[in-house]
Amino acid sequence: MSFYIDGYVLPVPKDKLDEYIEMAKMAGSVWKEYGALKVIEAVADDVQPGKVTSFPQSVHLKDNETVIFSYILYESREARDEINEKVMKDPRLADMKPENMPFDGMRMFWGGFKPIVEL
């Protein structure tokens, strides 16, 4: 496999969804500028609470919120590490601090993934 993926899941208040989309577009363009192959942001359309676990349960979803699932595709883990280092230093993202986000970052989770099946 010749790529690497960062994945994110987070809750966004429905009344802040437009604000989130604008922030995601701006941030995604920075990631792409530094070499990310693809940035995808998706809003929940068909997710139900589960008996044991689910997307809504994973972020302790509140009634006025929706779930966002997003991922960034890179050429490799090494490329991802280099790109993220540059992104984190970019002054255009200086305002992207937890207190300025249109969502509760304490209920966001993320991680890096190495593909094991590619069809």
PDB file of N, CA and C in Angstrom:
ATOM      1  N   MET A   1       0.842  -1.171   0.000  1.00  0.00           N
ATOM      2  CA  MET A   1       0.000   0.000   0.000  1.00  0.00           C
ATOM      3  C   MET A   1       0.892   1.241   0.000  1.00  0.00           C
ATOM      4  N   SER A   2       0.482   2.199  -0.759  1.00  0.00           N
ATOM      5  CA  SER A   2       1.355   3.363  -0.925  1.00  0.00           C
ATOM      6  C   SER A   2       0.730   4.649  -0.406  1.00  0.00           C
ATOM      7  N   PHE A   3      -0.096   4.570   0.625  1.00  0.00           N
ATOM      8  CA  PHE A   3      -0.634   5.797   1.191  1.00  0.00           C
ATOM      9  C   PHE A   3      -0.858   5.629   2.683  1.00  0.00           C
ATOM     10  N   TYR A   4      -1.261   6.742   3.337  1.00  0.00           N
ATOM     11  CA  TYR A   4      -1.479   6.768   4.776  1.00  0.00           C
ATOM     12  C   TYR A   4      -2.704   7.639   5.030  1.00  0.00           C
ATOM     13  N   ILE A   5      -3.450   7.347   6.090  1.00  0.00           N
ATOM     14  CA  ILE A   5      -4.700   8.040   6.353  1.00  0.00           C
ATOM     15  C   ILE A   5      -4.737   8.555   7.779  1.00  0.00           C
ATOM     16  N   ASP A   6      -5.126   9.822   7.947  1.00  0.00           N
ATOM     17  CA  ASP A   6      -5.511  10.356   9.251  1.00  0.00           C
ATOM     18  C   ASP A   6      -7.025  10.395   9.275  1.00  0.00           C
ATOM     19  N   GLY A   7      -7.642   9.860  10.319  1.00  0.00           N
ATOM     20  CA  GLY A   7      -9.095   9.863  10.437  1.00  0.00           C
ATOM     21  C   GLY A   7      -9.540  10.617  11.674  1.00  0.00           C
ATOM     22  N   TYR A   8     -10.701  11.266  11.585  1.00  0.00           N
ATOM     23  CA  TYR A   8     -11.239  12.089  12.662  1.00  0.00           C
ATOM     24  C   TYR A   8     -12.737  11.855  12.790  1.00  0.00           C
ATOM     25  N   VAL A   9     -13.237  11.854  14.010  1.00  0.00           N
ATOM     26  CA  VAL A   9     -14.668  11.826  14.279  1.00  0.00           C
ATOM     27  C   VAL A   9     -14.930  12.862  15.370  1.00  0.00           C
ATOM     28  N   LEU A  10     -15.954  13.705  15.164  1.00  0.00           N
ATOM     29  CA  LEU A  10     -16.235  14.762  16.130  1.00  0.00           C
ATOM     30  C   LEU A  10     -17.696  15.191  16.070  1.00  0.00           C
ATOM     31  N   PRO A  11     -18.200  15.751  17.189  1.00  0.00           N
ATOM     32  CA  PRO A  11     -19.555  16.271  17.210  1.00  0.00           C
ATOM     33  C   PRO A  11     -19.545  17.764  16.874  1.00  0.00           C
ATOM     34  N   VAL A  12     -20.520  18.197  16.083  1.00  0.00           N
ATOM     35  CA  VAL A  12     -20.645  19.615  15.753  1.00  0.00           C
ATOM     36  C   VAL A  12     -22.088  20.042  16.020  1.00  0.00           C
ATOM     37  N   PRO A  13     -22.269  21.130  16.765  1.00  0.00           N
ATOM     38  CA  PRO A  13     -23.630  21.636  16.942  1.00  0.00           C
ATOM     39  C   PRO A  13     -24.241  21.953  15.579  1.00  0.00           C
ATOM     40  N   LYS A  14     -25.495  21.559  15.387  1.00  0.00           N
ATOM     41  CA  LYS A  14     -26.146  21.768  14.095  1.00  0.00           C
ATOM     42  C   LYS A  14     -26.174  23.238  13.706  1.00  0.00           C
ATOM     43  N   ASP A  15     -26.308  24.134  14.683  1.00  0.00           N
ATOM     44  CA  ASP A  15     -26.346  25.561  14.356  1.00  0.00           C
ATOM     45  C   ASP A  15     -24.963  26.142  14.060  1.00  0.00           C
ATOM     46  N   LYS A  16     -23.914  25.325  14.199  1.00  0.00           N
ATOM     47  CA  LYS A  16     -22.551  25.761  13.866  1.00  0.00           C
ATOM     48  C   LYS A  16     -21.982  24.983  12.681  1.00  0.00           C
ATOM     49  N   LEU A  17     -22.830  24.226  12.008  1.00  0.00           N
ATOM     50  CA  LEU A  17     -22.348  23.400  10.897  1.00  0.00           C
ATOM     51  C   LEU A  17     -21.766  24.251   9.775  1.00  0.00           C
ATOM     52  N   ASP A  18     -22.410  25.349   9.412  1.00  0.00           N
ATOM     53  CA  ASP A  18     -21.873  26.216   8.359  1.00  0.00           C
ATOM     54  C   ASP A  18     -20.514  26.785   8.747  1.00  0.00           C
ATOM     55  N   GLU A  19     -20.371  27.175  10.002  1.00  0.00           N
ATOM     56  CA  GLU A  19     -19.089  27.685  10.499  1.00  0.00           C
ATOM     57  C   GLU A  19     -18.022  26.591  10.421  1.00  0.00           C
ATOM     58  N   TYR A  20     -18.399  25.367  10.798  1.00  0.00           N
ATOM     59  CA  TYR A  20     -17.468  24.248  10.715  1.00  0.00           C
ATOM     60  C   TYR A  20     -17.040  24.010   9.270  1.00  0.00           C
ATOM     61  N   ILE A  21     -17.994  24.041   8.347  1.00  0.00           N
ATOM     62  CA  ILE A  21     -17.680  23.798   6.932  1.00  0.00           C
ATOM     63  C   ILE A  21     -16.686  24.835   6.421  1.00  0.00           C
ATOM     64  N   GLU A  22     -16.881  26.091   6.762  1.00  0.00           N
ATOM     65  CA  GLU A  22     -15.943  27.137   6.322  1.00  0.00           C
ATOM     66  C   GLU A  22     -14.554  26.903   6.906  1.00  0.00           C
ATOM     67  N   MET A  23     -14.493  26.561   8.192  1.00  0.00           N
ATOM     68  CA  MET A  23     -13.208  26.275   8.827  1.00  0.00           C
ATOM     69  C   MET A  23     -12.540  25.075   8.156  1.00  0.00           C
ATOM     70  N   ALA A  24     -13.318  24.022   7.879  1.00  0.00           N
ATOM     71  CA  ALA A  24     -12.781  22.810   7.263  1.00  0.00           C
ATOM     72  C   ALA A  24     -12.259  23.081   5.858  1.00  0.00           C
ATOM     73  N   LYS A  25     -12.962  23.902   5.093  1.00  0.00           N
ATOM     74  CA  LYS A  25     -12.493  24.250   3.747  1.00  0.00           C
ATOM     75  C   LYS A  25     -11.161  24.986   3.806  1.00  0.00           C
ATOM     76  N   MET A  26     -11.062  25.947   4.714  1.00  0.00           N
ATOM     77  CA  MET A  26      -9.827  26.715   4.832  1.00  0.00           C
ATOM     78  C   MET A  26      -8.677  25.818   5.287  1.00  0.00           C
ATOM     79  N   ALA A  27      -8.907  25.041   6.339  1.00  0.00           N
ATOM     80  CA  ALA A  27      -7.855  24.166   6.851  1.00  0.00           C
ATOM     81  C   ALA A  27      -7.486  23.098   5.827  1.00  0.00           C
ATOM     82  N   GLY A  28      -8.489  22.522   5.175  1.00  0.00           N
ATOM     83  CA  GLY A  28      -8.224  21.508   4.166  1.00  0.00           C
ATOM     84  C   GLY A  28      -7.389  22.026   3.018  1.00  0.00           C
ATOM     85  N   SER A  29      -7.623  23.278   2.631  1.00  0.00           N
ATOM     86  CA  SER A  29      -6.823  23.854   1.541  1.00  0.00           C
ATOM     87  C   SER A  29      -5.359  24.005   1.961  1.00  0.00           C
ATOM     88  N   VAL A  30      -5.123  24.267   3.242  1.00  0.00           N
ATOM     89  CA  VAL A  30      -3.745  24.360   3.738  1.00  0.00           C
ATOM     90  C   VAL A  30      -3.098  22.978   3.684  1.00  0.00           C
ATOM     91  N   TRP A  31      -3.813  21.956   4.152  1.00  0.00           N
ATOM     92  CA  TRP A  31      -3.268  20.584   4.090  1.00  0.00           C
ATOM     93  C   TRP A  31      -2.938  20.208   2.644  1.00  0.00           C
ATOM     94  N   LYS A  32      -3.851  20.517   1.724  1.00  0.00           N
ATOM     95  CA  LYS A  32      -3.620  20.193   0.312  1.00  0.00           C
ATOM     96  C   LYS A  32      -2.415  20.967  -0.235  1.00  0.00           C
ATOM     97  N   GLU A  33      -2.300  22.222   0.150  1.00  0.00           N
ATOM     98  CA  GLU A  33      -1.174  23.038  -0.316  1.00  0.00           C
ATOM     99  C   GLU A  33       0.161  22.418   0.081  1.00  0.00           C
ATOM    100  N   TYR A  34       0.207  21.808   1.263  1.00  0.00           N
ATOM    101  CA  TYR A  34       1.448  21.202   1.747  1.00  0.00           C
ATOM    102  C   TYR A  34       1.640  19.765   1.274  1.00  0.00           C
ATOM    103  N   GLY A  35       0.671  19.209   0.529  1.00  0.00           N
ATOM    104  CA  GLY A  35       0.913  17.908  -0.070  1.00  0.00           C
ATOM    105  C   GLY A  35      -0.084  16.808   0.228  1.00  0.00           C
ATOM    106  N   ALA A  36      -1.102  17.060   1.053  1.00  0.00           N
ATOM    107  CA  ALA A  36      -2.114  16.029   1.265  1.00  0.00           C
ATOM    108  C   ALA A  36      -2.775  15.710  -0.067  1.00  0.00           C
ATOM    109  N   LEU A  37      -3.048  14.436  -0.313  1.00  0.00           N
ATOM    110  CA  LEU A  37      -3.638  14.021  -1.577  1.00  0.00           C
ATOM    111  C   LEU A  37      -5.133  14.309  -1.639  1.00  0.00           C
ATOM    112  N   LYS A  38      -5.811  14.155  -0.511  1.00  0.00           N
ATOM    113  CA  LYS A  38      -7.264  14.333  -0.483  1.00  0.00           C
ATOM    114  C   LYS A  38      -7.683  14.662   0.940  1.00  0.00           C
ATOM    115  N   VAL A  39      -8.650  15.556   1.062  1.00  0.00           N
ATOM    116  CA  VAL A  39      -9.251  15.900   2.348  1.00  0.00           C
ATOM    117  C   VAL A  39     -10.757  15.723   2.193  1.00  0.00           C
ATOM    118  N   ILE A  40     -11.342  14.882   3.024  1.00  0.00           N
ATOM    119  CA  ILE A  40     -12.780  14.601   2.968  1.00  0.00           C
ATOM    120  C   ILE A  40     -13.400  14.954   4.315  1.00  0.00           C
ATOM    121  N   GLU A  41     -14.477  15.708   4.284  1.00  0.00           N
ATOM    122  CA  GLU A  41     -15.280  16.014   5.474  1.00  0.00           C
ATOM    123  C   GLU A  41     -16.694  15.537   5.166  1.00  0.00           C
ATOM    124  N   ALA A  42     -17.272  14.727   6.029  1.00  0.00           N
ATOM    125  CA  ALA A  42     -18.603  14.187   5.784  1.00  0.00           C
ATOM    126  C   ALA A  42     -19.467  14.323   7.031  1.00  0.00           C
ATOM    127  N   VAL A  43     -20.730  14.691   6.813  1.00  0.00           N
ATOM    128  CA  VAL A  43     -21.674  14.844   7.918  1.00  0.00           C
ATOM    129  C   VAL A  43     -22.554  13.593   7.989  1.00  0.00           C
ATOM    130  N   ALA A  44     -22.931  13.208   9.207  1.00  0.00           N
ATOM    131  CA  ALA A  44     -23.759  12.023   9.416  1.00  0.00           C
ATOM    132  C   ALA A  44     -25.042  12.118   8.609  1.00  0.00           C
ATOM    133  N   ASP A  45     -25.364  11.042   7.924  1.00  0.00           N
ATOM    134  CA  ASP A  45     -26.583  10.975   7.131  1.00  0.00           C
ATOM    135  C   ASP A  45     -27.407   9.750   7.524  1.00  0.00           C
ATOM    136  N   ASP A  46     -26.721   8.667   7.846  1.00  0.00           N
ATOM    137  CA  ASP A  46     -27.405   7.428   8.213  1.00  0.00           C
ATOM    138  C   ASP A  46     -26.618   6.755   9.327  1.00  0.00           C
ATOM    139  N   VAL A  47     -26.635   7.354  10.509  1.00  0.00           N
ATOM    140  CA  VAL A  47     -25.967   6.773  11.677  1.00  0.00           C
ATOM    141  C   VAL A  47     -26.986   6.693  12.811  1.00  0.00           C
ATOM    142  N   GLN A  48     -27.049   5.546  13.427  1.00  0.00           N
ATOM    143  CA  GLN A  48     -28.004   5.306  14.509  1.00  0.00           C
ATOM    144  C   GLN A  48     -27.246   4.945  15.782  1.00  0.00           C
ATOM    145  N   PRO A  49     -27.818   5.289  16.936  1.00  0.00           N
ATOM    146  CA  PRO A  49     -27.189   4.829  18.183  1.00  0.00           C
ATOM    147  C   PRO A  49     -27.191   3.306  18.218  1.00  0.00           C
ATOM    148  N   GLY A  50     -26.128   2.750  18.713  1.00  0.00           N
ATOM    149  CA  GLY A  50     -26.035   1.299  18.792  1.00  0.00           C
ATOM    150  C   GLY A  50     -26.371   0.800  20.181  1.00  0.00           C
ATOM    151  N   LYS A  51     -26.384  -0.515  20.329  1.00  0.00           N
ATOM    152  CA  LYS A  51     -26.618  -1.103  21.653  1.00  0.00           C
ATOM    153  C   LYS A  51     -25.356  -1.047  22.499  1.00  0.00           C
ATOM    154  N   VAL A  52     -24.199  -1.172  21.840  1.00  0.00           N
ATOM    155  CA  VAL A  52     -22.929  -1.164  22.560  1.00  0.00           C
ATOM    156  C   VAL A  52     -22.097   0.058  22.189  1.00  0.00           C
ATOM    157  N   THR A  53     -21.990   0.327  20.881  1.00  0.00           N
ATOM    158  CA  THR A  53     -21.205   1.473  20.438  1.00  0.00           C
ATOM    159  C   THR A  53     -21.724   1.944  19.086  1.00  0.00           C
ATOM    160  N   SER A  54     -21.395   3.183  18.731  1.00  0.00           N
ATOM    161  CA  SER A  54     -21.827   3.758  17.460  1.00  0.00           C
ATOM    162  C   SER A  54     -21.128   5.099  17.292  1.00  0.00           C
ATOM    163  N   PHE A  55     -21.268   5.692  16.123  1.00  0.00           N
ATOM    164  CA  PHE A  55     -20.715   7.033  15.936  1.00  0.00           C
ATOM    165  C   PHE A  55     -21.326   8.023  16.930  1.00  0.00           C
ATOM    166  N   PRO A  56     -22.655   8.092  17.091  1.00  0.00           N
ATOM    167  CA  PRO A  56     -23.205   9.031  18.078  1.00  0.00           C
ATOM    168  C   PRO A  56     -22.681   8.777  19.499  1.00  0.00           C
ATOM    169  N   GLN A  57     -22.611   7.515  19.888  1.00  0.00           N
ATOM    170  CA  GLN A  57     -22.136   7.204  21.235  1.00  0.00           C
ATOM    171  C   GLN A  57     -20.651   7.524  21.395  1.00  0.00           C
ATOM    172  N   SER A  58     -19.885   7.378  20.339  1.00  0.00           N
ATOM    173  CA  SER A  58     -18.440   7.581  20.432  1.00  0.00           C
ATOM    174  C   SER A  58     -18.070   9.017  20.794  1.00  0.00           C
ATOM    175  N   VAL A  59     -18.933   9.964  20.433  1.00  0.00           N
ATOM    176  CA  VAL A  59     -18.651  11.378  20.718  1.00  0.00           C
ATOM    177  C   VAL A  59     -19.613  11.947  21.759  1.00  0.00           C
ATOM    178  N   HIS A  60     -20.360  11.064  22.416  1.00  0.00           N
ATOM    179  CA  HIS A  60     -21.365  11.495  23.405  1.00  0.00           C
ATOM    180  C   HIS A  60     -22.264  12.566  22.794  1.00  0.00           C
ATOM    181  N   LEU A  61     -22.839  12.240  21.640  1.00  0.00           N
ATOM    182  CA  LEU A  61     -23.645  13.171  20.856  1.00  0.00           C
ATOM    183  C   LEU A  61     -24.828  13.715  21.649  1.00  0.00           C
ATOM    184  N   LYS A  62     -25.011  15.033  21.569  1.00  0.00           N
ATOM    185  CA  LYS A  62     -26.147  15.702  22.204  1.00  0.00           C
ATOM    186  C   LYS A  62     -27.248  15.901  21.158  1.00  0.00           C
ATOM    187  N   ASP A  63     -28.462  16.183  21.619  1.00  0.00           N
ATOM    188  CA  ASP A  63     -29.613  16.312  20.726  1.00  0.00           C
ATOM    189  C   ASP A  63     -29.414  17.358  19.630  1.00  0.00           C
ATOM    190  N   ASN A  64     -28.723  18.428  19.923  1.00  0.00           N
ATOM    191  CA  ASN A  64     -28.558  19.528  18.960  1.00  0.00           C
ATOM    192  C   ASN A  64     -27.293  19.394  18.117  1.00  0.00           C
ATOM    193  N   GLU A  65     -26.696  18.201  18.075  1.00  0.00           N
ATOM    194  CA  GLU A  65     -25.427  18.002  17.366  1.00  0.00           C
ATOM    195  C   GLU A  65     -25.566  16.957  16.266  1.00  0.00           C
ATOM    196  N   THR A  66     -24.572  16.970  15.393  1.00  0.00           N
ATOM    197  CA  THR A  66     -24.435  15.941  14.368  1.00  0.00           C
ATOM    198  C   THR A  66     -22.996  15.440  14.402  1.00  0.00           C
ATOM    199  N   VAL A  67     -22.761  14.305  13.785  1.00  0.00           N
ATOM    200  CA  VAL A  67     -21.418  13.705  13.765  1.00  0.00           C
ATOM    201  C   VAL A  67     -20.730  14.034  12.445  1.00  0.00           C
ATOM    202  N   ILE A  68     -19.465  14.404  12.541  1.00  0.00           N
ATOM    203  CA  ILE A  68     -18.611  14.604  11.374  1.00  0.00           C
ATOM    204  C   ILE A  68     -17.579  13.488  11.346  1.00  0.00           C
ATOM    205  N   PHE A  69     -17.422  12.890  10.185  1.00  0.00           N
ATOM    206  CA  PHE A  69     -16.382  11.887   9.940  1.00  0.00           C
ATOM    207  C   PHE A  69     -15.504  12.467   8.843  1.00  0.00           C
ATOM    208  N   SER A  70     -14.215  12.536   9.092  1.00  0.00           N
ATOM    209  CA  SER A  70     -13.336  13.105   8.074  1.00  0.00           C
ATOM    210  C   SER A  70     -12.030  12.320   8.009  1.00  0.00           C
ATOM    211  N   TYR A  71     -11.377  12.470   6.855  1.00  0.00           N
ATOM    212  CA  TYR A  71     -10.066  11.849   6.738  1.00  0.00           C
ATOM    213  C   TYR A  71      -9.213  12.619   5.746  1.00  0.00           C
ATOM    214  N   ILE A  72      -7.914  12.470   5.917  1.00  0.00           N
ATOM    215  CA  ILE A  72      -6.920  13.079   5.035  1.00  0.00           C
ATOM    216  C   ILE A  72      -6.045  11.952   4.512  1.00  0.00           C
ATOM    217  N   LEU A  73      -5.849  11.935   3.201  1.00  0.00           N
ATOM    218  CA  LEU A  73      -5.056  10.900   2.548  1.00  0.00           C
ATOM    219  C   LEU A  73      -3.689  11.476   2.166  1.00  0.00           C
ATOM    220  N   TYR A  74      -2.636  10.737   2.491  1.00  0.00           N
ATOM    221  CA  TYR A  74      -1.253  11.136   2.214  1.00  0.00           C
ATOM    222  C   TYR A  74      -0.560  10.039   1.407  1.00  0.00           C
ATOM    223  N   GLU A  75       0.547  10.384   0.775  1.00  0.00           N
ATOM    224  CA  GLU A  75       1.332   9.393   0.025  1.00  0.00           C
ATOM    225  C   GLU A  75       1.943   8.338   0.942  1.00  0.00           C
ATOM    226  N   SER A  76       2.306   8.742   2.171  1.00  0.00           N
ATOM    227  CA  SER A  76       2.987   7.832   3.094  1.00  0.00           C
ATOM    228  C   SER A  76       2.917   8.399   4.505  1.00  0.00           C
ATOM    229  N   ARG A  77       3.307   7.595   5.471  1.00  0.00           N
ATOM    230  CA  ARG A  77       3.392   8.070   6.857  1.00  0.00           C
ATOM    231  C   ARG A  77       4.430   9.186   6.957  1.00  0.00           C
ATOM    232  N   GLU A  78       5.535   9.027   6.251  1.00  0.00           N
ATOM    233  CA  GLU A  78       6.586  10.040   6.287  1.00  0.00           C
ATOM    234  C   GLU A  78       6.072  11.366   5.713  1.00  0.00           C
ATOM    235  N   ALA A  79       5.359  11.293   4.593  1.00  0.00           N
ATOM    236  CA  ALA A  79       4.786  12.510   3.998  1.00  0.00           C
ATOM    237  C   ALA A  79       3.804  13.142   4.970  1.00  0.00           C
ATOM    238  N   ARG A  80       2.965  12.327   5.612  1.00  0.00           N
ATOM    239  CA  ARG A  80       2.003  12.852   6.583  1.00  0.00           C
ATOM    240  C   ARG A  80       2.698  13.589   7.706  1.00  0.00           C
ATOM    241  N   ASP A  81       3.764  13.006   8.257  1.00  0.00           N
ATOM    242  CA  ASP A  81       4.474  13.644   9.354  1.00  0.00           C
ATOM    243  C   ASP A  81       5.077  14.978   8.920  1.00  0.00           C
ATOM    244  N   GLU A  82       5.657  15.019   7.734  1.00  0.00           N
ATOM    245  CA  GLU A  82       6.246  16.262   7.214  1.00  0.00           C
ATOM    246  C   GLU A  82       5.169  17.314   6.948  1.00  0.00           C
ATOM    247  N   ILE A  83       4.073  16.905   6.339  1.00  0.00           N
ATOM    248  CA  ILE A  83       2.980  17.829   6.028  1.00  0.00           C
ATOM    249  C   ILE A  83       2.376  18.385   7.317  1.00  0.00           C
ATOM    250  N   ASN A  84       2.096  17.520   8.280  1.00  0.00           N
ATOM    251  CA  ASN A  84       1.489  17.988   9.529  1.00  0.00           C
ATOM    252  C   ASN A  84       2.402  18.941  10.286  1.00  0.00           C
ATOM    253  N   GLU A  85       3.698  18.717  10.226  1.00  0.00           N
ATOM    254  CA  GLU A  85       4.636  19.631  10.880  1.00  0.00           C
ATOM    255  C   GLU A  85       4.531  21.028  10.255  1.00  0.00           C
ATOM    256  N   LYS A  86       4.456  21.095   8.934  1.00  0.00           N
ATOM    257  CA  LYS A  86       4.320  22.381   8.249  1.00  0.00           C
ATOM    258  C   LYS A  86       2.966  23.028   8.533  1.00  0.00           C
ATOM    259  N   VAL A  87       1.916  22.221   8.503  1.00  0.00           N
ATOM    260  CA  VAL A  87       0.564  22.737   8.749  1.00  0.00           C
ATOM    261  C   VAL A  87       0.487  23.360  10.136  1.00  0.00           C
ATOM    262  N   MET A  88       1.039  22.690  11.129  1.00  0.00           N
ATOM    263  CA  MET A  88       0.947  23.186  12.505  1.00  0.00           C
ATOM    264  C   MET A  88       1.690  24.506  12.701  1.00  0.00           C
ATOM    265  N   LYS A  89       2.617  24.822  11.824  1.00  0.00           N
ATOM    266  CA  LYS A  89       3.360  26.088  11.908  1.00  0.00           C
ATOM    267  C   LYS A  89       2.766  27.178  11.015  1.00  0.00           C
ATOM    268  N   ASP A  90       1.759  26.848  10.220  1.00  0.00           N
ATOM    269  CA  ASP A  90       1.202  27.805   9.262  1.00  0.00           C
ATOM    270  C   ASP A  90       0.408  28.882   9.985  1.00  0.00           C
ATOM    271  N   PRO A  91       0.739  30.152   9.753  1.00  0.00           N
ATOM    272  CA  PRO A  91       0.061  31.246  10.456  1.00  0.00           C
ATOM    273  C   PRO A  91      -1.426  31.367  10.114  1.00  0.00           C
ATOM    274  N   ARG A  92      -1.855  30.820   8.985  1.00  0.00           N
ATOM    275  CA  ARG A  92      -3.282  30.874   8.634  1.00  0.00           C
ATOM    276  C   ARG A  92      -4.139  30.053   9.581  1.00  0.00           C
ATOM    277  N   LEU A  93      -3.506  29.134  10.293  1.00  0.00           N
ATOM    278  CA  LEU A  93      -4.249  28.275  11.210  1.00  0.00           C
ATOM    279  C   LEU A  93      -4.025  28.658  12.671  1.00  0.00           C
ATOM    280  N   ALA A  94      -3.415  29.817  12.891  1.00  0.00           N
ATOM    281  CA  ALA A  94      -3.090  30.257  14.252  1.00  0.00           C
ATOM    282  C   ALA A  94      -4.327  30.382  15.138  1.00  0.00           C
ATOM    283  N   ASP A  95      -5.460  30.724  14.551  1.00  0.00           N
ATOM    284  CA  ASP A  95      -6.691  30.881  15.337  1.00  0.00           C
ATOM    285  C   ASP A  95      -7.387  29.556  15.617  1.00  0.00           C
ATOM    286  N   MET A  96      -6.873  28.470  15.082  1.00  0.00           N
ATOM    287  CA  MET A  96      -7.509  27.168  15.291  1.00  0.00           C
ATOM    288  C   MET A  96      -7.063  26.580  16.627  1.00  0.00           C
ATOM    289  N   LYS A  97      -7.515  27.220  17.684  1.00  0.00           N
ATOM    290  CA  LYS A  97      -7.256  26.763  19.042  1.00  0.00           C
ATOM    291  C   LYS A  97      -8.557  26.190  19.589  1.00  0.00           C
ATOM    292  N   PRO A  98      -8.481  25.307  20.558  1.00  0.00           N
ATOM    293  CA  PRO A  98      -9.711  24.680  21.067  1.00  0.00           C
ATOM    294  C   PRO A  98     -10.815  25.669  21.414  1.00  0.00           C
ATOM    295  N   GLU A  99     -10.470  26.777  22.006  1.00  0.00           N
ATOM    296  CA  GLU A  99     -11.496  27.747  22.415  1.00  0.00           C
ATOM    297  C   GLU A  99     -12.147  28.464  21.235  1.00  0.00           C
ATOM    298  N   ASN A 100     -11.540  28.386  20.049  1.00  0.00           N
ATOM    299  CA  ASN A 100     -12.088  29.044  18.855  1.00  0.00           C
ATOM    300  C   ASN A 100     -12.820  28.089  17.924  1.00  0.00           C
ATOM    301  N   MET A 101     -12.869  26.827  18.252  1.00  0.00           N
ATOM    302  CA  MET A 101     -13.464  25.833  17.366  1.00  0.00           C
ATOM    303  C   MET A 101     -14.987  25.818  17.495  1.00  0.00           C
ATOM    304  N   PRO A 102     -15.684  25.540  16.389  1.00  0.00           N
ATOM    305  CA  PRO A 102     -17.141  25.457  16.444  1.00  0.00           C
ATOM    306  C   PRO A 102     -17.640  24.070  16.878  1.00  0.00           C
ATOM    307  N   PHE A 103     -16.862  23.411  17.725  1.00  0.00           N
ATOM    308  CA  PHE A 103     -17.227  22.088  18.240  1.00  0.00           C
ATOM    309  C   PHE A 103     -16.458  21.840  19.525  1.00  0.00           C
ATOM    310  N   ASP A 104     -16.858  20.824  20.258  1.00  0.00           N
ATOM    311  CA  ASP A 104     -16.200  20.454  21.514  1.00  0.00           C
ATOM    312  C   ASP A 104     -15.058  19.491  21.210  1.00  0.00           C
ATOM    313  N   GLY A 105     -13.847  20.015  21.186  1.00  0.00           N
ATOM    314  CA  GLY A 105     -12.676  19.210  20.869  1.00  0.00           C
ATOM    315  C   GLY A 105     -12.386  18.110  21.880  1.00  0.00           C
ATOM    316  N   MET A 106     -12.946  18.214  23.070  1.00  0.00           N
ATOM    317  CA  MET A 106     -12.735  17.170  24.076  1.00  0.00           C
ATOM    318  C   MET A 106     -13.437  15.871  23.688  1.00  0.00           C
ATOM    319  N   ARG A 107     -14.415  15.950  22.782  1.00  0.00           N
ATOM    320  CA  ARG A 107     -15.142  14.749  22.363  1.00  0.00           C
ATOM    321  C   ARG A 107     -14.744  14.315  20.951  1.00  0.00           C
ATOM    322  N   MET A 108     -13.714  14.925  20.422  1.00  0.00           N
ATOM    323  CA  MET A 108     -13.174  14.550  19.113  1.00  0.00           C
ATOM    324  C   MET A 108     -12.144  13.446  19.319  1.00  0.00           C
ATOM    325  N   PHE A 109     -12.083  12.512  18.366  1.00  0.00           N
ATOM    326  CA  PHE A 109     -10.985  11.552  18.407  1.00  0.00           C
ATOM    327  C   PHE A 109     -10.426  11.374  17.009  1.00  0.00           C
ATOM    328  N   TRP A 110      -9.166  10.972  16.945  1.00  0.00           N
ATOM    329  CA  TRP A 110      -8.456  10.899  15.678  1.00  0.00           C
ATOM    330  C   TRP A 110      -7.320   9.896  15.792  1.00  0.00           C
ATOM    331  N   GLY A 111      -6.765   9.565  14.652  1.00  0.00           N
ATOM    332  CA  GLY A 111      -5.612   8.684  14.643  1.00  0.00           C
ATOM    333  C   GLY A 111      -5.104   8.469  13.229  1.00  0.00           C
ATOM    334  N   GLY A 112      -3.904   7.934  13.129  1.00  0.00           N
ATOM    335  CA  GLY A 112      -3.288   7.615  11.846  1.00  0.00           C
ATOM    336  C   GLY A 112      -3.461   6.136  11.543  1.00  0.00           C
ATOM    337  N   PHE A 113      -3.708   5.832  10.262  1.00  0.00           N
ATOM    338  CA  PHE A 113      -4.001   4.470   9.860  1.00  0.00           C
ATOM    339  C   PHE A 113      -3.187   4.047   8.654  1.00  0.00           C
ATOM    340  N   LYS A 114      -2.647   2.823   8.747  1.00  0.00           N
ATOM    341  CA  LYS A 114      -1.912   2.207   7.660  1.00  0.00           C
ATOM    342  C   LYS A 114      -2.862   1.239   6.963  1.00  0.00           C
ATOM    343  N   PRO A 115      -3.162   1.427   5.689  1.00  0.00           N
ATOM    344  CA  PRO A 115      -4.077   0.527   4.990  1.00  0.00           C
ATOM    345  C   PRO A 115      -3.555  -0.919   4.997  1.00  0.00           C
ATOM    346  N   ILE A 116      -4.496  -1.843   5.099  1.00  0.00           N
ATOM    347  CA  ILE A 116      -4.138  -3.264   5.045  1.00  0.00           C
ATOM    348  C   ILE A 116      -4.834  -3.986   3.895  1.00  0.00           C
ATOM    349  N   VAL A 117      -5.865  -3.367   3.309  1.00  0.00           N
ATOM    350  CA  VAL A 117      -6.527  -3.906   2.130  1.00  0.00           C
ATOM    351  C   VAL A 117      -6.822  -2.740   1.205  1.00  0.00           C
ATOM    352  N   GLU A 118      -6.470  -2.905  -0.052  1.00  0.00           N
ATOM    353  CA  GLU A 118      -6.761  -1.888  -1.078  1.00  0.00           C
ATOM    354  C   GLU A 118      -7.295  -2.613  -2.304  1.00  0.00           C
ATOM    355  N   LEU A 119      -8.500  -2.266  -2.721  1.00  0.00           N
ATOM    356  CA  LEU A 119      -9.115  -2.932  -3.865  1.00  0.00           C
ATOM    357  C   LEU A 119      -9.365  -1.927  -4.972  1.00  0.00           C
TER     358      LEU A 119
END
